[in-house]
Amino acid sequence: MENFGKLWEEFLEDNEKIDFSSFELKKTLHPKFWGRLKTLNPDIAKKLIQISEDFVENLDLDINVIEDILFTGSLAYYNWSKYSDIDLHILVDFKSIDENTDLVKEYFNGKTFIWNSKHDIKIFDHEVEIYVQDAHEDHVASGVYSIIDHEWRTEPINIEPKIDYTNLEKKASYLIDCIDRLYDLYEDQKYKDVHEIGKKFKQKVRNMRKTGLEGAGIFSTENLAFKVLRRNGYLGRLNDLIDKSYDSLLSLNKNFEKKLHLYVSEPKNEENKGFNAINELERFQKRVAARHSRLKRANIGLGGQKNTPPYNHGANYNRGESSPPAGE
């Protein structure tokens, strides 16, 4: 047990420190997007209008259904960073499509999901993210610019927000830890648990962000925690886990009977009552080793590099032999 403290310090060092510097306000709007009078670069405006019209035409809809095209998000405010997407909102009167506006919203959500997944259009290294919004829906943001009318619907004001960084770090760290634990379940081949828990957790994150936006706005702890997950790649990892667990559940191979049993059987309750230091240390060290391997794979193994001399062999993703065995 004397090595537990050192092991904990090593785990903290392995964890990437959450960087909140990208949330700090800049003195100006992004200079490549906005001119002195806070007008959108005309070449960018033209390109975004073309993208919006192409999207609508590909749905076999008349481009006249477009009532406005809004540029919003952090790139329309002073908290832009290298992580910022171009939030492109296409305003459409849903009732002009069908009286069942919920059905229309579901339709557009599905189409934008496919479009955003399929395309990788970038302007000055910022990815274009399309969203179709009901023209009658209120849009809460600190900066909203009409590309069609060339004017601000909500002009951004550079006022330093009050951010509870202590609470933000706690919430973001907790959410990151939850996703890491899903990785542990996946590596234990508990695919059904990963798929079900992952989908519920994804919805929980969505609801958390919505609550924050409707409450304190874009600088709410909930919304900023969501952005931390996205900027650190954890939302992408969560989606990847959900997809991979589903594929693993339904793949046929030599372990078909075992996988079928995993899918249809009820998960066993493996929780032990009370606290057992040896059991907890073993679980903890297992998590340390797994996380260490994942970080190395992310930093080394996923780069697509070829094993050329003098590096003829793939990277070793295991921890060093100096790691103490559990219980010592």
Protein backbone atom coordinates (compact mmCIF):
# COMPACT_ATOMS: atom_id res chain seq x y z
CA MET A 1 0.00 0.00 0.00
CA GLU A 2 2.96 2.35 0.39
CA ASN A 3 3.18 2.69 -3.40
CA PHE A 4 -0.43 3.83 -3.69
CA GLY A 5 0.48 7.49 -3.25
CA LYS A 6 3.12 7.32 -5.99
CA LEU A 7 0.71 5.50 -8.25
CA TRP A 8 -1.90 8.19 -7.71
CA GLU A 9 0.62 10.92 -8.58
CA GLU A 10 1.58 9.04 -11.73
CA PHE A 11 -2.09 8.78 -12.71
CA LEU A 12 -2.55 12.51 -12.25
CA GLU A 13 0.50 13.17 -14.43
CA ASP A 14 -0.89 10.88 -17.14
CA ASN A 15 -4.15 12.80 -17.10
CA GLU A 16 -4.10 15.70 -19.50
CA LYS A 17 -4.56 18.94 -17.58
CA ILE A 18 -7.70 20.72 -18.72
CA ASP A 19 -6.76 23.92 -20.54
CA PHE A 20 -9.30 26.73 -20.17
CA SER A 21 -7.22 29.40 -21.91
CA SER A 22 -9.26 29.07 -25.12
CA PHE A 23 -12.31 30.43 -23.27
CA GLU A 24 -10.64 33.76 -22.55
CA LEU A 25 -12.06 36.71 -24.49
CA LYS A 26 -10.00 38.20 -27.30
CA LYS A 27 -9.73 41.95 -27.80
CA THR A 28 -11.24 41.75 -31.28
CA LEU A 29 -13.40 39.49 -33.38
CA HIS A 30 -11.54 37.01 -35.59
CA PRO A 31 -9.65 39.33 -38.02
CA LYS A 32 -9.92 36.94 -40.98
CA PHE A 33 -13.71 36.85 -40.69
CA TRP A 34 -14.64 40.37 -39.62
CA GLY A 35 -13.70 43.84 -40.88
CA ARG A 36 -13.28 47.03 -38.88
CA LEU A 37 -17.02 47.73 -38.88
CA LYS A 38 -17.76 44.18 -37.71
CA THR A 39 -18.98 43.20 -41.17
CA LEU A 40 -18.42 39.65 -42.39
CA ASN A 41 -15.73 39.13 -45.02
CA PRO A 42 -17.73 39.26 -48.32
CA ASP A 43 -15.87 36.28 -49.82
CA ILE A 44 -16.72 34.20 -46.75
CA ALA A 45 -20.34 35.37 -46.84
CA LYS A 46 -20.64 34.38 -50.50
CA LYS A 47 -19.18 30.94 -49.79
CA LEU A 48 -21.49 30.30 -46.82
CA ILE A 49 -24.55 31.29 -48.86
CA GLN A 50 -23.48 28.87 -51.58
CA ILE A 51 -23.04 26.07 -49.04
CA SER A 52 -26.50 26.74 -47.57
CA GLU A 53 -28.21 26.81 -50.95
CA ASP A 54 -26.44 23.65 -52.11
CA PHE A 55 -27.53 21.88 -48.91
CA VAL A 56 -31.19 22.84 -49.45
CA GLU A 57 -31.15 22.00 -53.17
CA ASN A 58 -29.69 18.56 -52.43
CA LEU A 59 -32.84 17.91 -50.39
CA ASP A 60 -34.94 18.71 -53.47
CA LEU A 61 -36.31 21.79 -51.74
CA ASP A 62 -36.66 25.24 -53.29
CA ILE A 63 -33.96 27.60 -52.01
CA ASN A 64 -36.73 30.13 -51.41
CA VAL A 65 -37.61 28.21 -48.23
CA ILE A 66 -34.51 29.87 -46.75
CA GLU A 67 -35.66 32.91 -44.79
CA ASP A 68 -32.25 33.83 -43.44
CA ILE A 69 -28.76 32.44 -42.90
CA LEU A 70 -27.16 33.18 -39.55
CA PHE A 71 -23.51 33.16 -38.55
CA THR A 72 -23.31 32.47 -34.83
CA GLY A 73 -21.25 30.71 -32.16
CA SER A 74 -17.83 31.65 -30.78
CA LEU A 75 -16.59 32.90 -34.16
CA ALA A 76 -19.31 35.54 -33.95
CA TYR A 77 -18.08 36.55 -30.52
CA TYR A 78 -14.85 37.38 -28.71
CA ASN A 79 -14.23 33.89 -27.31
CA TRP A 80 -13.16 32.40 -30.66
CA SER A 81 -10.22 30.03 -30.74
CA LYS A 82 -8.55 27.51 -33.03
CA TYR A 83 -11.18 25.00 -31.89
CA SER A 84 -14.16 27.08 -33.03
CA ASP A 85 -16.55 25.79 -35.68
CA ILE A 86 -18.46 28.02 -38.09
CA ASP A 87 -22.00 27.64 -36.77
CA LEU A 88 -24.13 28.15 -39.86
CA HIS A 89 -27.86 28.30 -39.06
CA ILE A 90 -30.27 28.08 -41.99
CA LEU A 91 -33.64 29.56 -41.01
CA VAL A 92 -36.68 27.83 -42.48
CA ASP A 93 -40.36 28.18 -41.61
CA PHE A 94 -41.05 24.59 -40.59
CA LYS A 95 -44.80 25.02 -41.08
CA SER A 96 -44.17 25.82 -44.74
CA ILE A 97 -42.85 22.26 -45.05
CA ASP A 98 -45.46 20.48 -42.94
CA GLU A 99 -47.88 21.25 -40.11
CA ASN A 100 -46.13 18.69 -37.93
CA THR A 101 -43.13 20.85 -37.03
CA ASP A 102 -41.66 18.18 -34.74
CA LEU A 103 -41.53 15.82 -37.71
CA VAL A 104 -39.90 18.52 -39.85
CA LYS A 105 -37.31 19.18 -37.15
CA GLU A 106 -36.49 15.48 -36.95
CA TYR A 107 -36.15 15.38 -40.74
CA PHE A 108 -33.71 18.29 -40.86
CA ASN A 109 -31.74 16.99 -37.87
CA GLY A 110 -31.20 13.72 -39.72
CA LYS A 111 -30.15 15.48 -42.93
CA THR A 112 -27.75 17.87 -41.19
CA PHE A 113 -26.21 14.97 -39.24
CA ILE A 114 -25.47 13.16 -42.51
CA TRP A 115 -24.16 16.33 -44.18
CA ASN A 116 -21.90 17.30 -41.27
CA SER A 117 -20.55 13.74 -41.04
CA LYS A 118 -19.94 13.46 -44.77
CA HIS A 119 -18.34 16.84 -45.46
CA ASP A 120 -15.20 18.47 -44.10
CA ILE A 121 -15.44 22.03 -45.44
CA LYS A 122 -13.09 24.44 -43.71
CA ILE A 123 -12.60 28.19 -43.95
CA PHE A 124 -9.29 29.36 -42.48
CA ASP A 125 -9.03 25.98 -40.70
CA HIS A 126 -12.47 26.35 -39.09
CA GLU A 127 -14.97 23.62 -39.97
CA VAL A 128 -18.42 24.56 -41.27
CA GLU A 129 -21.20 23.05 -39.15
CA ILE A 130 -24.73 23.33 -40.60
CA TYR A 131 -27.90 23.50 -38.52
CA VAL A 132 -31.46 24.06 -39.79
CA GLN A 133 -33.46 26.22 -37.39
CA ASP A 134 -37.17 27.01 -37.35
CA ALA A 135 -37.61 30.67 -38.27
CA HIS A 136 -40.00 31.03 -35.30
CA GLU A 137 -37.52 29.59 -32.80
CA ASP A 138 -35.63 31.93 -30.48
CA HIS A 139 -31.86 31.69 -30.77
CA VAL A 140 -29.86 32.37 -27.60
CA ALA A 141 -26.34 33.61 -28.38
CA SER A 142 -24.04 36.54 -27.64
CA GLY A 143 -23.42 37.14 -31.34
CA VAL A 144 -25.80 36.48 -34.25
CA TYR A 145 -25.09 37.87 -37.73
CA SER A 146 -27.47 37.75 -40.73
CA ILE A 147 -25.43 36.82 -43.78
CA ILE A 148 -28.29 37.67 -46.14
CA ASP A 149 -29.03 41.11 -44.67
CA HIS A 150 -25.39 41.86 -43.81
CA GLU A 151 -26.24 43.02 -40.29
CA TRP A 152 -26.16 41.86 -36.69
CA ARG A 153 -29.28 40.38 -35.15
CA THR A 154 -27.42 40.35 -31.84
CA GLU A 155 -24.24 42.42 -31.86
CA PRO A 156 -21.47 41.03 -29.63
CA ILE A 157 -20.29 43.11 -26.68
CA ASN A 158 -16.84 42.50 -25.26
CA ILE A 159 -17.62 42.17 -21.57
CA GLU A 160 -15.53 39.78 -19.53
CA PRO A 161 -17.88 37.02 -18.28
CA LYS A 162 -17.83 35.55 -14.81
CA ILE A 163 -16.74 31.93 -15.12
CA ASP A 164 -16.63 29.57 -12.18
CA TYR A 165 -13.43 27.79 -13.20
CA THR A 166 -13.32 25.66 -10.04
CA ASN A 167 -16.77 24.23 -10.64
CA LEU A 168 -16.09 23.94 -14.37
CA GLU A 169 -12.98 21.85 -13.79
CA LYS A 170 -14.84 19.56 -11.39
CA LYS A 171 -17.72 18.99 -13.82
CA ALA A 172 -15.48 18.54 -16.87
CA SER A 173 -13.16 16.16 -15.00
CA TYR A 174 -16.12 14.09 -13.85
CA LEU A 175 -17.52 13.79 -17.41
CA ILE A 176 -14.09 12.86 -18.79
CA ASP A 177 -13.72 10.22 -16.09
CA CYS A 178 -17.10 8.73 -17.04
CA ILE A 179 -16.02 8.34 -20.66
CA ASP A 180 -12.72 6.79 -19.56
CA ARG A 181 -14.67 4.25 -17.53
CA LEU A 182 -16.70 3.37 -20.62
CA TYR A 183 -13.39 2.54 -22.28
CA ASP A 184 -12.64 0.20 -19.38
CA LEU A 185 -15.96 -1.58 -19.90
CA TYR A 186 -15.28 -1.88 -23.61
CA GLU A 187 -11.86 -3.41 -23.03
CA ASP A 188 -13.55 -5.88 -20.66
CA GLN A 189 -15.80 -6.82 -23.64
CA LYS A 190 -18.93 -5.59 -21.90
CA TYR A 191 -20.27 -4.28 -25.19
CA LYS A 192 -23.93 -4.26 -24.23
CA ASP A 193 -23.22 -2.13 -21.15
CA VAL A 194 -21.05 0.25 -23.16
CA HIS A 195 -23.69 0.70 -25.86
CA GLU A 196 -26.59 1.28 -23.47
CA ILE A 197 -24.71 3.42 -20.94
CA GLY A 198 -22.97 5.35 -23.71
CA LYS A 199 -26.25 6.37 -25.37
CA LYS A 200 -27.75 7.43 -22.03
CA PHE A 201 -24.62 9.39 -21.13
CA LYS A 202 -24.63 11.15 -24.51
CA GLN A 203 -28.21 12.27 -23.94
CA LYS A 204 -27.28 13.39 -20.44
CA VAL A 205 -24.52 15.62 -21.84
CA ARG A 206 -26.95 17.10 -24.37
CA ASN A 207 -29.51 17.84 -21.66
CA MET A 208 -26.79 19.35 -19.47
CA ARG A 209 -25.76 21.76 -22.20
CA LYS A 210 -29.34 22.71 -23.02
CA THR A 211 -30.02 23.45 -19.35
CA GLY A 212 -26.94 25.66 -19.16
CA LEU A 213 -27.80 27.61 -22.32
CA GLU A 214 -31.36 28.20 -21.16
CA GLY A 215 -30.10 29.34 -17.77
CA ALA A 216 -26.85 31.30 -17.55
CA GLY A 217 -26.19 31.23 -21.30
CA ILE A 218 -23.09 30.41 -23.32
CA PHE A 219 -20.73 30.95 -20.37
CA SER A 220 -22.66 28.64 -18.07
CA THR A 221 -20.67 25.88 -16.40
CA GLU A 222 -22.74 23.28 -18.26
CA ASN A 223 -22.13 24.71 -21.72
CA LEU A 224 -18.43 25.28 -21.10
CA ALA A 225 -18.05 21.72 -19.77
CA PHE A 226 -19.60 20.51 -23.03
CA LYS A 227 -17.05 22.57 -24.97
CA VAL A 228 -14.20 21.12 -22.89
CA LEU A 229 -15.33 17.61 -23.88
CA ARG A 230 -15.54 18.60 -27.54
CA ARG A 231 -12.22 20.46 -27.64
CA ASN A 232 -10.39 17.61 -25.90
CA GLY A 233 -11.86 15.07 -28.32
CA TYR A 234 -13.94 13.26 -25.72
CA LEU A 235 -17.27 13.72 -27.51
CA GLY A 236 -15.74 12.08 -30.57
CA ARG A 237 -14.42 9.25 -28.40
CA LEU A 238 -17.85 8.78 -26.84
CA ASN A 239 -19.48 8.48 -30.27
CA ASP A 240 -16.74 6.09 -31.33
CA LEU A 241 -17.35 3.89 -28.29
CA ILE A 242 -21.09 3.75 -28.99
CA ASP A 243 -20.47 2.74 -32.61
CA LYS A 244 -17.70 0.25 -31.83
CA SER A 245 -19.69 -1.46 -29.06
CA TYR A 246 -22.66 -1.87 -31.42
CA ASP A 247 -20.43 -3.33 -34.13
CA SER A 248 -18.80 -5.67 -31.63
CA LEU A 249 -22.18 -6.87 -30.41
CA LEU A 250 -23.42 -7.77 -33.87
CA SER A 251 -20.20 -9.08 -35.43
CA LEU A 252 -20.07 -12.81 -36.17
CA ASN A 253 -16.86 -14.71 -35.50
CA LYS A 254 -15.59 -17.69 -33.56
CA ASN A 255 -16.91 -16.19 -30.34
CA PHE A 256 -20.46 -15.89 -31.68
CA GLU A 257 -22.05 -17.93 -28.89
CA LYS A 258 -20.19 -15.95 -26.24
CA LYS A 259 -21.19 -12.62 -27.80
CA LEU A 260 -24.79 -13.75 -28.14
CA HIS A 261 -24.79 -14.63 -24.46
CA LEU A 262 -23.32 -11.21 -23.61
CA TYR A 263 -26.04 -9.51 -25.62
CA VAL A 264 -29.12 -11.34 -24.37
CA SER A 265 -28.12 -12.05 -20.78
CA GLU A 266 -28.70 -9.64 -17.94
CA PRO A 267 -25.48 -8.08 -16.63
CA LYS A 268 -24.33 -9.51 -13.35
CA ASN A 269 -24.06 -7.23 -10.36
CA GLU A 270 -20.35 -7.33 -9.65
CA GLU A 271 -20.38 -4.56 -7.05
CA ASN A 272 -18.80 -5.55 -3.75
CA LYS A 273 -20.30 -4.19 -0.58
CA GLY A 274 -17.99 -2.28 1.68
CA PHE A 275 -14.47 -1.03 0.98
CA ASN A 276 -11.66 -3.45 0.27
CA ALA A 277 -8.32 -1.66 -0.22
CA ILE A 278 -6.69 -4.53 -2.15
CA ASN A 279 -9.60 -4.83 -4.60
CA GLU A 280 -9.75 -1.08 -5.12
CA LEU A 281 -5.99 -0.84 -5.70
CA GLU A 282 -6.12 -3.62 -8.29
CA ARG A 283 -8.96 -1.91 -10.12
CA PHE A 284 -7.17 1.41 -9.91
CA GLN A 285 -3.89 0.11 -11.29
CA LYS A 286 -5.77 -1.61 -14.10
CA ARG A 287 -7.32 1.74 -15.03
CA VAL A 288 -3.91 3.45 -14.91
CA ALA A 289 -2.43 0.87 -17.28
CA ALA A 290 -5.40 1.05 -19.65
CA ARG A 291 -5.39 4.83 -19.75
CA HIS A 292 -1.65 4.92 -20.30
CA SER A 293 -2.05 2.60 -23.29
CA ARG A 294 -4.91 4.66 -24.75
CA LEU A 295 -2.95 7.90 -24.47
CA LYS A 296 0.04 6.34 -26.23
CA ARG A 297 -2.19 5.01 -28.99
CA ALA A 298 -3.76 8.43 -29.44
CA ASN A 299 -0.39 10.19 -29.55
CA ILE A 300 1.60 7.55 -31.45
CA GLY A 301 -0.43 4.73 -32.89
CA LEU A 302 -3.11 6.73 -34.68
CA GLY A 303 -0.81 8.96 -36.69
CA GLY A 304 -0.57 6.61 -39.66
CA GLN A 305 3.22 6.68 -39.65
CA LYS A 306 5.06 3.91 -41.47
CA ASN A 307 7.60 1.79 -39.62
CA THR A 308 10.69 2.82 -41.56
CA PRO A 309 14.32 2.65 -40.43
CA PRO A 310 15.52 3.18 -37.82
CA TYR A 311 12.02 2.56 -36.42
CA ASN A 312 11.22 -0.84 -37.89
CA HIS A 313 8.77 -1.91 -35.22
CA GLY A 314 5.47 -0.55 -34.00
CA ALA A 315 5.28 1.34 -30.74
CA ASN A 316 4.97 -0.54 -27.47
CA TYR A 317 1.73 0.59 -25.82
CA ASN A 318 2.35 -1.10 -22.47
CA ARG A 319 3.58 0.59 -19.33
CA GLY A 320 7.16 0.11 -18.22
CA GLU A 321 8.28 -2.90 -16.19
CA SER A 322 8.98 -0.59 -13.26
CA SER A 323 5.26 -0.38 -12.56
CA PRO A 324 4.64 -2.09 -9.20
CA PRO A 325 2.31 -5.10 -9.17
CA ALA A 326 -1.01 -4.59 -7.47
CA GLY A 327 -0.95 -5.10 -3.72
CA GLU A 328 2.75 -4.40 -3.18
